[in-house]
C-alpha atoms as a PDB file:
ATOM      1  CA  MET A   1       0.000   0.000   0.000  1.00  0.00           C
ATOM      2  CA  LYS A   2       1.172   3.512  -0.826  1.00  0.00           C
ATOM      3  CA  THR A   3      -0.097   6.620   0.955  1.00  0.00           C
ATOM      4  CA  THR A   4      -0.074  10.128  -0.466  1.00  0.00           C
ATOM      5  CA  LYS A   5      -1.031  13.363   1.229  1.00  0.00           C
ATOM      6  CA  ARG A   6      -2.717  16.465  -0.072  1.00  0.00           C
ATOM      7  CA  GLU A   7      -3.323  19.744   1.688  1.00  0.00           C
ATOM      8  CA  ASN A   8      -6.652  21.511   1.323  1.00  0.00           C
ATOM      9  CA  LYS A   9      -8.658  24.115   3.230  1.00  0.00           C
ATOM     10  CA  SER A  10      -9.830  21.552   5.823  1.00  0.00           C
ATOM     11  CA  GLY A  11      -6.362  20.205   6.469  1.00  0.00           C
ATOM     12  CA  THR A  12      -4.353  17.180   5.322  1.00  0.00           C
ATOM     13  CA  VAL A  13      -6.110  14.459   3.329  1.00  0.00           C
ATOM     14  CA  ARG A  14      -4.522  11.026   2.937  1.00  0.00           C
ATOM     15  CA  TYR A  15      -5.102   8.857  -0.151  1.00  0.00           C
ATOM     16  CA  LEU A  16      -4.510   5.116  -0.391  1.00  0.00           C
ATOM     17  CA  HIS A  17      -3.103   3.361  -3.458  1.00  0.00           C
ATOM     18  CA  LEU A  18      -2.207  -0.173  -4.412  1.00  0.00           C
ATOM     19  CA  ALA A  19       1.306   0.144  -5.814  1.00  0.00           C
ATOM     20  CA  HIS A  20       4.051  -2.070  -7.173  1.00  0.00           C
ATOM     21  CA  ASN A  21       7.754  -1.177  -7.001  1.00  0.00           C
ATOM     22  CA  GLU A  22       9.558  -1.319 -10.338  1.00  0.00           C
ATOM     23  CA  TRP A  23      13.236  -0.741 -10.954  1.00  0.00           C
ATOM     24  CA  ASP A  24      13.986   2.481 -12.806  1.00  0.00           C
ATOM     25  CA  PRO A  25      17.410   2.175 -14.513  1.00  0.00           C
ATOM     26  CA  VAL A  26      17.535   5.908 -15.182  1.00  0.00           C
ATOM     27  CA  LYS A  27      16.983   6.913 -11.554  1.00  0.00           C
ATOM     28  CA  GLY A  28      18.890   3.890 -10.324  1.00  0.00           C
ATOM     29  CA  ARG A  29      16.254   2.959  -7.751  1.00  0.00           C
ATOM     30  CA  ALA A  30      12.867   1.300  -7.346  1.00  0.00           C
ATOM     31  CA  VAL A  31       9.927   3.524  -8.219  1.00  0.00           C
ATOM     32  CA  PRO A  32       6.343   2.735  -7.095  1.00  0.00           C
ATOM     33  CA  ARG A  33       3.839   2.348  -9.906  1.00  0.00           C
ATOM     34  CA  VAL A  34       0.215   2.859  -8.844  1.00  0.00           C
ATOM     35  CA  LEU A  35      -1.996  -0.050  -9.902  1.00  0.00           C
ATOM     36  CA  PHE A  36      -5.218   1.017  -8.221  1.00  0.00           C
ATOM     37  CA  THR A  37      -6.408   3.980  -6.171  1.00  0.00           C
ATOM     38  CA  PHE A  38      -8.769   3.391  -3.240  1.00  0.00           C
ATOM     39  CA  GLY A  39      -9.479   7.086  -2.693  1.00  0.00           C
ATOM     40  CA  ARG A  40      -9.473   9.010   0.550  1.00  0.00           C
ATOM     41  CA  GLU A  41      -8.439   7.038   3.623  1.00  0.00           C
ATOM     42  CA  ASP A  42     -11.280   8.515   5.706  1.00  0.00           C
ATOM     43  CA  ASP A  43     -13.792   7.483   3.041  1.00  0.00           C
ATOM     44  CA  LEU A  44     -12.458   3.983   2.364  1.00  0.00           C
ATOM     45  CA  ASP A  45     -15.007   1.365   1.281  1.00  0.00           C
ATOM     46  CA  ARG A  46     -13.780  -1.466   3.513  1.00  0.00           C
ATOM     47  CA  ASP A  47     -16.366  -3.940   2.212  1.00  0.00           C
ATOM     48  CA  ALA A  48     -14.979  -3.414  -1.284  1.00  0.00           C
ATOM     49  CA  VAL A  49     -11.474  -4.075   0.028  1.00  0.00           C
ATOM     50  CA  LYS A  50     -12.660  -7.337   1.657  1.00  0.00           C
ATOM     51  CA  ARG A  51     -14.223  -8.457  -1.621  1.00  0.00           C
ATOM     52  CA  LEU A  52     -10.989  -7.669  -3.445  1.00  0.00           C
ATOM     53  CA  VAL A  53      -8.911  -9.643  -0.924  1.00  0.00           C
ATOM     54  CA  ALA A  54     -11.320 -12.598  -1.125  1.00  0.00           C
ATOM     55  CA  SER A  55     -11.184 -12.522  -4.905  1.00  0.00           C
ATOM     56  CA  LEU A  56      -7.388 -12.479  -4.968  1.00  0.00           C
ATOM     57  CA  SER A  57      -7.212 -15.223  -2.322  1.00  0.00           C
ATOM     58  CA  ARG A  58      -8.949 -17.633  -4.694  1.00  0.00           C
ATOM     59  CA  LEU A  59      -5.790 -17.600  -6.779  1.00  0.00           C
ATOM     60  CA  LEU A  60      -3.863 -19.150  -3.869  1.00  0.00           C
ATOM     61  CA  GLU A  61      -3.945 -22.481  -2.100  1.00  0.00           C
ATOM     62  CA  PRO A  62      -6.096 -22.347   1.085  1.00  0.00           C
ATOM     63  CA  GLY A  63      -3.032 -22.535   3.324  1.00  0.00           C
ATOM     64  CA  GLU A  64      -1.239 -19.810   1.394  1.00  0.00           C
ATOM     65  CA  ALA A  65      -4.301 -17.559   1.546  1.00  0.00           C
ATOM     66  CA  LEU A  66      -4.534 -17.964   5.331  1.00  0.00           C
ATOM     67  CA  ALA A  67      -0.815 -17.373   5.793  1.00  0.00           C
ATOM     68  CA  SER A  68      -0.885 -14.204   3.685  1.00  0.00           C
ATOM     69  CA  THR A  69      -3.755 -12.672   5.684  1.00  0.00           C
ATOM     70  CA  ALA A  70      -2.722 -13.829   9.178  1.00  0.00           C
ATOM     71  CA  ALA A  71      -1.590 -11.326  11.754  1.00  0.00           C
ATOM     72  CA  GLY A  72       2.134 -10.847  12.162  1.00  0.00           C
ATOM     73  CA  ASP A  73       2.218 -12.566  15.561  1.00  0.00           C
ATOM     74  CA  LEU A  74       0.447 -15.677  14.252  1.00  0.00           C
ATOM     75  CA  GLU A  75       2.050 -18.601  12.480  1.00  0.00           C
ATOM     76  CA  PHE A  76       0.076 -20.682  10.020  1.00  0.00           C
ATOM     77  CA  VAL A  77       0.566 -24.382  10.770  1.00  0.00           C
ATOM     78  CA  SER A  78      -1.743 -26.445   8.556  1.00  0.00           C
ATOM     79  CA  SER A  79      -5.114 -26.670   6.852  1.00  0.00           C
ATOM     80  CA  VAL A  80      -7.392 -29.675   6.211  1.00  0.00           C
ATOM     81  CA  PRO A  81     -10.744 -30.044   4.391  1.00  0.00           C
ATOM     82  CA  PHE A  82     -13.904 -29.732   6.476  1.00  0.00           C
ATOM     83  CA  GLY A  83     -16.843 -29.408   4.056  1.00  0.00           C
ATOM     84  CA  GLY A  84     -17.476 -33.075   3.305  1.00  0.00           C
ATOM     85  CA  THR A  85     -17.406 -34.290   6.903  1.00  0.00           C
ATOM     86  CA  TYR A  86     -19.460 -31.240   7.973  1.00  0.00           C
ATOM     87  CA  VAL A  87     -22.308 -32.149   5.597  1.00  0.00           C
ATOM     88  CA  LEU A  88     -22.207 -35.851   6.485  1.00  0.00           C
ATOM     89  CA  ASP A  89     -22.085 -35.096  10.210  1.00  0.00           C
ATOM     90  CA  HIS A  90     -25.215 -32.956   9.991  1.00  0.00           C
ATOM     91  CA  LEU A  91     -26.987 -35.692   8.012  1.00  0.00           C
ATOM     92  CA  TRP A  92     -25.814 -38.230  10.617  1.00  0.00           C
ATOM     93  CA  GLN A  93     -27.315 -36.043  13.352  1.00  0.00           C
ATOM     94  CA  ARG A  94     -30.465 -35.331  11.311  1.00  0.00           C
ATOM     95  CA  LEU A  95     -31.079 -39.080  11.204  1.00  0.00           C
ATOM     96  CA  ARG A  96     -30.272 -39.166  14.954  1.00  0.00           C
ATOM     97  CA  ILE A  97     -27.752 -41.945  14.530  1.00  0.00           C
ATOM     98  CA  ASP A  98     -25.485 -40.252  17.071  1.00  0.00           C
ATOM     99  CA  ARG A  99     -28.226 -40.505  19.717  1.00  0.00           C
ATOM    100  CA  ILE A 100     -29.098 -44.066  18.768  1.00  0.00           C
ATOM    101  CA  VAL A 101     -25.483 -45.184  19.197  1.00  0.00           C
ATOM    102  CA  GLY A 102     -25.498 -43.715  22.699  1.00  0.00           C
ATOM    103  CA  GLN A 103     -28.821 -45.387  23.553  1.00  0.00           C
ATOM    104  CA  VAL A 104     -27.993 -48.897  22.354  1.00  0.00           C
ATOM    105  CA  GLY A 105     -25.900 -49.463  25.439  1.00  0.00           C
ATOM    106  CA  GLN A 106     -22.644 -50.836  26.726  1.00  0.00           C
ATOM    107  CA  PRO A 107     -21.021 -53.988  25.314  1.00  0.00           C
ATOM    108  CA  LYS A 108     -22.108 -57.262  26.889  1.00  0.00           C
ATOM    109  CA  ARG A 109     -18.537 -58.183  27.735  1.00  0.00           C
ATOM    110  CA  GLY A 110     -15.518 -56.207  28.847  1.00  0.00           C
ATOM    111  CA  ARG A 111     -15.168 -52.817  30.480  1.00  0.00           C
ATOM    112  CA  CYS A 112     -17.501 -49.854  30.104  1.00  0.00           C
ATOM    113  CA  ARG A 113     -17.046 -47.850  26.935  1.00  0.00           C
ATOM    114  CA  ASP A 114     -17.009 -44.108  26.298  1.00  0.00           C
ATOM    115  CA  MET A 115     -19.979 -44.073  23.940  1.00  0.00           C
ATOM    116  CA  SER A 116     -19.403 -40.493  22.774  1.00  0.00           C
ATOM    117  CA  ALA A 117     -15.901 -41.457  21.592  1.00  0.00           C
ATOM    118  CA  THR A 118     -17.218 -44.684  20.003  1.00  0.00           C
ATOM    119  CA  GLU A 119     -19.887 -42.736  18.137  1.00  0.00           C
ATOM    120  CA  ARG A 120     -17.301 -40.319  16.751  1.00  0.00           C
ATOM    121  CA  VAL A 121     -15.044 -43.151  15.603  1.00  0.00           C
ATOM    122  CA  LEU A 122     -17.952 -44.928  13.906  1.00  0.00           C
ATOM    123  CA  PHE A 123     -18.975 -41.705  12.173  1.00  0.00           C
ATOM    124  CA  SER A 124     -15.404 -41.106  11.010  1.00  0.00           C
ATOM    125  CA  MET A 125     -15.315 -44.560   9.393  1.00  0.00           C
ATOM    126  CA  VAL A 126     -18.638 -43.894   7.662  1.00  0.00           C
ATOM    127  CA  ALA A 127     -17.340 -40.529   6.447  1.00  0.00           C
ATOM    128  CA  ASN A 128     -14.145 -42.181   5.242  1.00  0.00           C
ATOM    129  CA  ARG A 129     -16.138 -44.766   3.306  1.00  0.00           C
ATOM    130  CA  ALA A 130     -18.138 -41.981   1.634  1.00  0.00           C
ATOM    131  CA  LEU A 131     -15.293 -39.540   0.935  1.00  0.00           C
ATOM    132  CA  ALA A 132     -12.079 -41.573   0.661  1.00  0.00           C
ATOM    133  CA  PRO A 133     -12.707 -45.346   0.949  1.00  0.00           C
ATOM    134  CA  SER A 134      -9.784 -47.155   2.539  1.00  0.00           C
ATOM    135  CA  SER A 135      -8.783 -49.740   5.140  1.00  0.00           C
ATOM    136  CA  LYS A 136      -9.218 -49.203   8.892  1.00  0.00           C
ATOM    137  CA  LEU A 137      -5.528 -48.355   9.237  1.00  0.00           C
ATOM    138  CA  ALA A 138      -5.643 -45.879   6.361  1.00  0.00           C
ATOM    139  CA  ALA A 139      -8.939 -44.450   7.655  1.00  0.00           C
ATOM    140  CA  ALA A 140      -7.358 -43.678  11.029  1.00  0.00           C
ATOM    141  CA  ASP A 141      -4.487 -41.888   9.308  1.00  0.00           C
ATOM    142  CA  TRP A 142      -6.999 -40.010   7.119  1.00  0.00           C
ATOM    143  CA  VAL A 143      -8.904 -38.776  10.167  1.00  0.00           C
ATOM    144  CA  THR A 144      -5.722 -37.757  11.988  1.00  0.00           C
ATOM    145  CA  HIS A 145      -3.930 -35.953   9.152  1.00  0.00           C
ATOM    146  CA  ASP A 146      -6.129 -35.345   6.107  1.00  0.00           C
ATOM    147  CA  VAL A 147      -9.531 -34.119   7.281  1.00  0.00           C
ATOM    148  CA  HIS A 148     -11.348 -32.445  10.173  1.00  0.00           C
ATOM    149  CA  VAL A 149     -13.943 -34.507  12.050  1.00  0.00           C
ATOM    150  CA  GLU A 150     -15.783 -32.521  14.705  1.00  0.00           C
ATOM    151  CA  GLY A 151     -15.083 -33.986  18.141  1.00  0.00           C
ATOM    152  CA  LEU A 152     -12.370 -36.350  16.902  1.00  0.00           C
ATOM    153  CA  PRO A 153      -9.026 -34.607  16.378  1.00  0.00           C
ATOM    154  CA  ALA A 154      -7.211 -37.939  15.961  1.00  0.00           C
ATOM    155  CA  THR A 155      -7.715 -41.696  16.169  1.00  0.00           C
ATOM    156  CA  ASP A 156      -5.861 -44.953  15.493  1.00  0.00           C
ATOM    157  CA  ASP A 157      -6.610 -48.351  14.019  1.00  0.00           C
ATOM    158  CA  ASP A 158      -7.066 -49.926  17.481  1.00  0.00           C
ATOM    159  CA  ALA A 159      -9.892 -47.486  18.241  1.00  0.00           C
ATOM    160  CA  CYS A 160     -11.485 -48.323  14.890  1.00  0.00           C
ATOM    161  CA  TYR A 161     -11.339 -52.076  15.556  1.00  0.00           C
ATOM    162  CA  ARG A 162     -12.723 -51.654  19.081  1.00  0.00           C
ATOM    163  CA  ALA A 163     -15.622 -49.633  17.705  1.00  0.00           C
ATOM    164  CA  MET A 164     -16.249 -52.333  15.093  1.00  0.00           C
ATOM    165  CA  ASP A 165     -16.218 -55.042  17.796  1.00  0.00           C
ATOM    166  CA  TRP A 166     -18.887 -53.128  19.693  1.00  0.00           C
ATOM    167  CA  LEU A 167     -20.863 -52.594  16.496  1.00  0.00           C
ATOM    168  CA  HIS A 168     -20.946 -56.341  15.783  1.00  0.00           C
ATOM    169  CA  GLU A 169     -22.355 -56.976  19.270  1.00  0.00           C
ATOM    170  CA  VAL A 170     -25.241 -54.521  18.883  1.00  0.00           C
ATOM    171  CA  THR A 171     -25.872 -54.781  15.137  1.00  0.00           C
ATOM    172  CA  ASP A 172     -29.420 -56.172  15.370  1.00  0.00           C
ATOM    173  CA  ASP A 173     -30.619 -53.597  17.891  1.00  0.00           C
ATOM    174  CA  LEU A 174     -28.800 -50.732  16.176  1.00  0.00           C
ATOM    175  CA  GLU A 175     -30.118 -51.582  12.713  1.00  0.00           C
ATOM    176  CA  LYS A 176     -33.691 -51.816  14.014  1.00  0.00           C
ATOM    177  CA  GLN A 177     -33.530 -48.459  15.773  1.00  0.00           C
ATOM    178  CA  VAL A 178     -31.931 -46.730  12.787  1.00  0.00           C
ATOM    179  CA  PHE A 179     -34.542 -48.221  10.466  1.00  0.00           C
ATOM    180  CA  ASP A 180     -37.402 -47.149  12.750  1.00  0.00           C
ATOM    181  CA  GLU A 181     -35.978 -43.631  12.969  1.00  0.00           C
ATOM    182  CA  VAL A 182     -35.483 -43.265   9.223  1.00  0.00           C
ATOM    183  CA  ALA A 183     -38.856 -44.796   8.366  1.00  0.00           C
ATOM    184  CA  ASN A 184     -40.593 -42.430  10.782  1.00  0.00           C
ATOM    185  CA  LEU A 185     -38.569 -39.412   9.669  1.00  0.00           C
ATOM    186  CA  LEU A 186     -39.119 -39.947   5.946  1.00  0.00           C
ATOM    187  CA  ASN A 187     -42.579 -41.600   6.242  1.00  0.00           C
ATOM    188  CA  LEU A 188     -41.307 -44.596   4.327  1.00  0.00           C
ATOM    189  CA  GLU A 189     -43.434 -47.515   3.154  1.00  0.00           C
ATOM    190  CA  VAL A 190     -41.092 -50.453   2.797  1.00  0.00           C
ATOM    191  CA  ASP A 191     -42.062 -52.561  -0.209  1.00  0.00           C
ATOM    192  CA  LEU A 192     -38.579 -53.379  -1.484  1.00  0.00           C
ATOM    193  CA  LEU A 193     -35.366 -54.046   0.399  1.00  0.00           C
ATOM    194  CA  PHE A 194     -31.861 -54.062  -1.083  1.00  0.00           C
ATOM    195  CA  PHE A 195     -29.096 -56.215   0.362  1.00  0.00           C
ATOM    196  CA  ASP A 196     -25.371 -56.046  -0.261  1.00  0.00           C
ATOM    197  CA  THR A 197     -24.504 -59.574  -1.409  1.00  0.00           C
ATOM    198  CA  THR A 198     -20.827 -58.888  -2.112  1.00  0.00           C
ATOM    199  CA  SER A 199     -19.677 -61.503   0.405  1.00  0.00           C
ATOM    200  CA  THR A 200     -22.786 -63.736   0.207  1.00  0.00           C
ATOM    201  CA  TYR A 201     -23.075 -67.048  -1.620  1.00  0.00           C
ATOM    202  CA  PHE A 202     -25.701 -69.790  -1.872  1.00  0.00           C
ATOM    203  CA  GLU A 203     -25.446 -73.581  -1.828  1.00  0.00           C
ATOM    204  CA  LEU A 204     -27.857 -76.415  -2.640  1.00  0.00           C
ATOM    205  CA  GLU A 205     -27.988 -79.702  -0.790  1.00  0.00           C
ATOM    206  CA  GLU A 206     -28.060 -81.665  -4.063  1.00  0.00           C
ATOM    207  CA  ALA A 207     -25.050 -81.704  -6.375  1.00  0.00           C
ATOM    208  CA  ASP A 208     -25.436 -80.383  -9.913  1.00  0.00           C
ATOM    209  CA  GLU A 209     -26.059 -82.799 -12.742  1.00  0.00           C
ATOM    210  CA  PRO A 210     -22.847 -83.661 -14.592  1.00  0.00           C
ATOM    211  CA  VAL A 211     -22.458 -81.837 -17.878  1.00  0.00           C
ATOM    212  CA  ALA A 212     -20.424 -82.708 -20.936  1.00  0.00           C
ATOM    213  CA  ARG A 213     -17.434 -80.496 -21.659  1.00  0.00           C
ATOM    214  CA  ASP A 214     -14.799 -80.525 -24.353  1.00  0.00           C
ATOM    215  CA  ASP A 215     -11.067 -80.855 -23.787  1.00  0.00           C
ATOM    216  CA  LYS A 216     -10.866 -77.109 -23.032  1.00  0.00           C
ATOM    217  CA  GLY A 217     -13.534 -77.241 -20.345  1.00  0.00           C
ATOM    218  CA  ARG A 218     -16.229 -75.565 -22.425  1.00  0.00           C
ATOM    219  CA  LEU A 219     -19.816 -76.824 -22.352  1.00  0.00           C
ATOM    220  CA  HIS A 220     -20.933 -78.846 -25.356  1.00  0.00           C
ATOM    221  CA  ARG A 221     -23.665 -77.064 -27.295  1.00  0.00           C
ATOM    222  CA  LEU A 222     -26.985 -78.897 -27.209  1.00  0.00           C
ATOM    223  CA  PRO A 223     -28.489 -79.667 -30.656  1.00  0.00           C
ATOM    224  CA  ALA A 224     -30.981 -77.051 -31.751  1.00  0.00           C
ATOM    225  CA  ARG A 225     -34.568 -78.026 -32.470  1.00  0.00           C
ATOM    226  CA  GLY A 226     -34.766 -79.709 -35.842  1.00  0.00           C
ATOM    227  CA  GLU A 227     -31.029 -80.285 -35.918  1.00  0.00           C
ATOM    228  CA  GLY A 228     -30.100 -83.925 -36.416  1.00  0.00           C
ATOM    229  CA  ALA A 229     -27.384 -85.860 -34.786  1.00  0.00           C
ATOM    230  CA  GLY A 230     -25.169 -85.099 -37.753  1.00  0.00           C
ATOM    231  CA  GLY A 231     -25.600 -81.402 -37.237  1.00  0.00           C
ATOM    232  CA  GLY A 232     -22.217 -81.312 -35.624  1.00  0.00           C
ATOM    233  CA  ARG A 233     -21.226 -79.937 -32.324  1.00  0.00           C
ATOM    234  CA  GLY A 234     -19.559 -76.809 -31.138  1.00  0.00           C
ATOM    235  CA  GLY A 235     -18.186 -75.571 -27.861  1.00  0.00           C
ATOM    236  CA  VAL A 236     -20.020 -72.874 -25.991  1.00  0.00           C
ATOM    237  CA  GLY A 237     -17.758 -69.901 -25.643  1.00  0.00           C
ATOM    238  CA  GLU A 238     -16.028 -67.143 -27.536  1.00  0.00           C
ATOM    239  CA  GLY A 239     -14.838 -68.229 -30.942  1.00  0.00           C
ATOM    240  CA  ALA A 240     -16.815 -71.519 -30.964  1.00  0.00           C
ATOM    241  CA  THR A 241     -18.291 -72.484 -34.336  1.00  0.00           C
ATOM    242  CA  GLY A 242     -20.388 -75.393 -35.538  1.00  0.00           C
ATOM    243  CA  ARG A 243     -19.201 -77.709 -38.293  1.00  0.00           C
END
């Protein structure tokens, strides 16, 4: 910032300018070049200045923008994203899952648990799955270093596994209460349920009928209707042809 003064009948008036120093080879020194004039200091539009600073800050990384506007006695340390976990946390609370976790109760075995801490760890794992899916170990590192979770400045993989152990013990009760809360909140009529069958498989008590395969393990093609026994055979699979 560059300040200039001007004398008038009412006294001294100060003017503010945005200036940039440029080297003048003729004068042999740096000379300020005015880029923008803000006008009189006593009539400064501070809201306009704030908008200008905010606009220029968008050209910088968030950490750089904070460091450039921080007071001289403050030191910028770090910055982590907050928006994603903020939205998910409010949705989590809107569905009252935080309260339900606290109401389900203590584990059936072992020592008493800090349910507020358990709830925060469970939420952090849900947020991690939504925003940056990873393992429990990586999720703990994500919470500690890469994102801000309200009420959970840091965690570790042991805390995540302990929370999961508790979750397995109360799954039935927890799922029922969450379902009841969501159904009541959204006035749902449940006609269709979806299940994640990623790790699910089915078996029959009777073995499958043996099927004929060729020397490459491909199923033999059954004769088409009207096709005689001399119609040839072909393997079922890519590149199979009848002869």
